[in-house]
Amino acid sequence: MWQSNSRKRSDGNRVHGVELRSSSGFHLKRVTCRITSLEATAGAAAIEGRLLLNDVSSQGLAFYSPEILPLGSLVSIEFEYPEKTSLRAKVGWCQQLTGVGKIITEKSRSFRIGLVFEHEKPEDEERLKAFCDRLAEIYPGIDLTRAPYAA
C-alpha cells in the first residue's frame, strides 16, 4: 500500500510483548495464555488461548480458544504478562463463535470461554490479588471489579 513520505507507517504499539490497539483512546490489551485441564481423566495437552486483559476481573475472565472446554471442568490458566502467573479456575460458560467479523490469525480460536476463579488455598487468592493489582498499576483505567460478561 502506498503512503506519502510525510506519514510514517506504525508498526503497532507493543509494550512488554503485548499488542495494544487503539480506537478513540480505548485500548485492547491482548496476551497469550495457556490453559491446562486439572481433571484427573483429562491427560490432554495445554491449549493456547488469546486473552483480552479488558476481559479480566477479580472474579474471573473470558478468553478465546481453539477448543471447547467442558462446563464445570477445573483448569489452570497461565500468563506470561504482566508477570508469570498461574491461576486455578472453573469453566463457567462456553460460546461457539460464528464467522461474522472473524479476524484472520495464524490460529483459529472458534470458542469464547468464561472462567470463574477458584481458590483452593489462601495463596491462590493472594496470587490473584497480586495479578489484579499489577494490571491496575499498569492500566489505571481497567475495571477489575465487574465479572466478565457472559455469553
Protein backbone atom coordinates (compact mmCIF):
# COMPACT_ATOMS: atom_id res chain seq x y z
CA MET A 1 0.00 0.00 0.00
CA TRP A 2 1.33 3.42 -0.96
CA GLN A 3 1.93 6.06 1.72
CA SER A 4 3.25 9.54 1.34
CA ASN A 5 6.64 10.25 2.88
CA SER A 6 5.07 12.74 5.26
CA ARG A 7 3.26 9.94 7.14
CA LYS A 8 5.04 7.21 8.97
CA ARG A 9 3.59 3.74 9.00
CA SER A 10 3.05 2.46 12.51
CA ASP A 11 4.42 -0.99 13.15
CA GLY A 12 1.97 -1.46 16.00
CA ASN A 13 2.12 -0.50 19.62
CA ARG A 14 3.85 -3.17 21.66
CA VAL A 15 4.54 -2.89 25.37
CA HIS A 16 6.25 -5.79 27.12
CA GLY A 17 5.25 -8.13 24.29
CA VAL A 18 1.57 -7.15 24.48
CA GLU A 19 -0.08 -5.66 21.44
CA LEU A 20 -2.10 -2.54 22.12
CA ARG A 21 -4.77 -1.47 19.65
CA SER A 22 -6.26 1.97 19.86
CA SER A 23 -9.58 3.26 18.64
CA SER A 24 -10.62 6.60 20.10
CA GLY A 25 -8.48 6.08 23.19
CA PHE A 26 -9.86 2.63 24.06
CA HIS A 27 -7.12 0.01 24.30
CA LEU A 28 -7.49 -3.72 23.94
CA LYS A 29 -4.54 -5.44 25.54
CA ARG A 30 -4.09 -8.93 24.06
CA VAL A 31 -1.95 -11.64 25.61
CA THR A 32 -1.47 -15.34 25.04
CA CYS A 33 -2.48 -17.72 27.82
CA ARG A 34 -2.04 -21.46 28.35
CA ILE A 35 -4.93 -23.46 29.73
CA THR A 36 -4.32 -26.91 31.22
CA SER A 37 -7.06 -29.22 32.49
CA LEU A 38 -6.84 -30.20 36.16
CA GLU A 39 -9.30 -33.07 35.74
CA ALA A 40 -7.83 -36.49 36.59
CA THR A 41 -9.13 -38.09 33.39
CA ALA A 42 -8.11 -35.29 31.04
CA GLY A 43 -4.49 -36.02 30.09
CA ALA A 44 -4.80 -33.54 27.20
CA ALA A 45 -2.10 -31.11 26.17
CA ALA A 46 -2.32 -27.45 27.15
CA ILE A 47 -4.45 -25.18 24.98
CA GLU A 48 -3.07 -21.86 23.77
CA GLY A 49 -5.71 -19.16 24.07
CA ARG A 50 -5.95 -15.43 23.44
CA LEU A 51 -6.98 -13.16 26.26
CA LEU A 52 -8.03 -9.52 26.20
CA LEU A 53 -6.95 -8.00 29.51
CA ASN A 54 -10.15 -5.93 29.41
CA ASP A 55 -11.98 -9.26 29.99
CA VAL A 56 -10.25 -9.94 33.33
CA SER A 57 -11.85 -9.21 36.68
CA SER A 58 -11.24 -10.24 40.27
CA GLN A 59 -13.95 -12.94 39.85
CA GLY A 60 -12.96 -14.47 36.51
CA LEU A 61 -12.08 -13.88 32.89
CA ALA A 62 -13.10 -14.64 29.32
CA PHE A 63 -10.71 -15.82 26.59
CA TYR A 64 -10.70 -17.12 23.00
CA SER A 65 -9.83 -20.78 22.49
CA PRO A 66 -9.30 -23.12 19.54
CA GLU A 67 -11.04 -25.89 21.51
CA ILE A 68 -14.18 -26.26 23.58
CA LEU A 69 -13.84 -26.97 27.30
CA PRO A 70 -16.50 -28.89 29.27
CA LEU A 71 -18.66 -26.79 31.58
CA GLY A 72 -17.64 -27.11 35.22
CA SER A 73 -14.19 -28.52 34.50
CA LEU A 74 -11.25 -27.29 36.56
CA VAL A 75 -8.33 -25.70 34.71
CA SER A 76 -5.09 -23.92 35.36
CA ILE A 77 -4.55 -20.74 33.34
CA GLU A 78 -1.03 -19.34 32.92
CA PHE A 79 0.04 -15.88 31.77
CA GLU A 80 3.47 -14.53 30.93
CA TYR A 81 2.28 -10.92 31.16
CA PRO A 82 2.31 -8.71 33.15
CA GLU A 83 4.34 -11.29 35.04
CA LYS A 84 4.38 -15.05 35.07
CA THR A 85 1.23 -16.14 36.91
CA SER A 86 -0.78 -19.34 37.20
CA LEU A 87 -4.37 -19.29 38.48
CA ARG A 88 -6.95 -22.01 39.11
CA ALA A 89 -10.43 -21.64 37.61
CA LYS A 90 -13.64 -23.45 36.68
CA VAL A 91 -15.25 -23.24 33.23
CA GLY A 92 -18.45 -21.20 33.69
CA TRP A 93 -19.63 -20.87 30.09
CA CYS A 94 -18.58 -21.59 26.52
CA GLN A 95 -19.80 -19.95 23.31
CA GLN A 96 -19.03 -21.05 19.76
CA LEU A 97 -18.21 -18.06 17.57
CA THR A 98 -19.61 -17.63 14.09
CA GLY A 99 -17.59 -16.47 11.10
CA VAL A 100 -19.15 -12.99 11.21
CA GLY A 101 -16.47 -10.43 11.96
CA LYS A 102 -13.80 -13.11 12.09
CA ILE A 103 -10.28 -11.78 12.47
CA ILE A 104 -7.74 -13.62 10.38
CA THR A 105 -4.97 -15.06 12.54
CA GLU A 106 -2.48 -17.85 12.20
CA LYS A 107 -4.56 -19.90 14.65
CA SER A 108 -8.32 -20.16 14.63
CA ARG A 109 -9.95 -19.51 18.00
CA SER A 110 -13.56 -20.53 17.44
CA PHE A 111 -14.71 -20.53 21.07
CA ARG A 112 -15.10 -17.86 23.72
CA ILE A 113 -14.87 -19.34 27.20
CA GLY A 114 -15.64 -17.81 30.58
CA LEU A 115 -13.70 -18.92 33.65
CA VAL A 116 -14.54 -18.33 37.31
CA PHE A 117 -11.52 -18.22 39.63
CA GLU A 118 -11.30 -20.96 42.29
CA HIS A 119 -9.30 -20.51 45.48
CA GLU A 120 -8.18 -23.86 46.88
CA LYS A 121 -5.63 -22.25 49.23
CA PRO A 122 -5.15 -18.73 50.65
CA GLU A 123 -2.07 -18.41 48.39
CA ASP A 124 -4.34 -18.73 45.33
CA GLU A 125 -6.34 -15.69 46.40
CA GLU A 126 -3.15 -13.74 47.19
CA ARG A 127 -1.72 -14.61 43.74
CA LEU A 128 -4.94 -13.40 42.06
CA LYS A 129 -4.89 -10.18 44.09
CA ALA A 130 -1.25 -9.54 43.13
CA PHE A 131 -2.10 -10.18 39.45
CA CYS A 132 -5.06 -7.76 39.56
CA ASP A 133 -3.03 -5.14 41.46
CA ARG A 134 -0.29 -5.35 38.82
CA LEU A 135 -2.83 -4.93 35.99
CA ALA A 136 -4.39 -1.92 37.75
CA GLU A 137 -0.93 -0.40 38.19
CA ILE A 138 -0.04 -0.77 34.51
CA TYR A 139 -3.51 0.14 33.16
CA PRO A 140 -5.14 2.61 35.60
CA GLY A 141 -8.45 2.67 33.68
CA ILE A 142 -9.06 -1.08 33.74
CA ASP A 143 -12.14 -2.17 35.72
CA LEU A 144 -11.35 -5.31 37.69
CA THR A 145 -14.46 -5.18 39.89
CA ARG A 146 -17.01 -6.45 37.36
CA ALA A 147 -17.43 -10.02 36.22
CA PRO A 148 -16.56 -10.80 32.59
CA TYR A 149 -19.74 -10.65 30.57
CA ALA A 150 -21.45 -13.92 29.89
CA ALA A 151 -22.20 -15.42 26.51
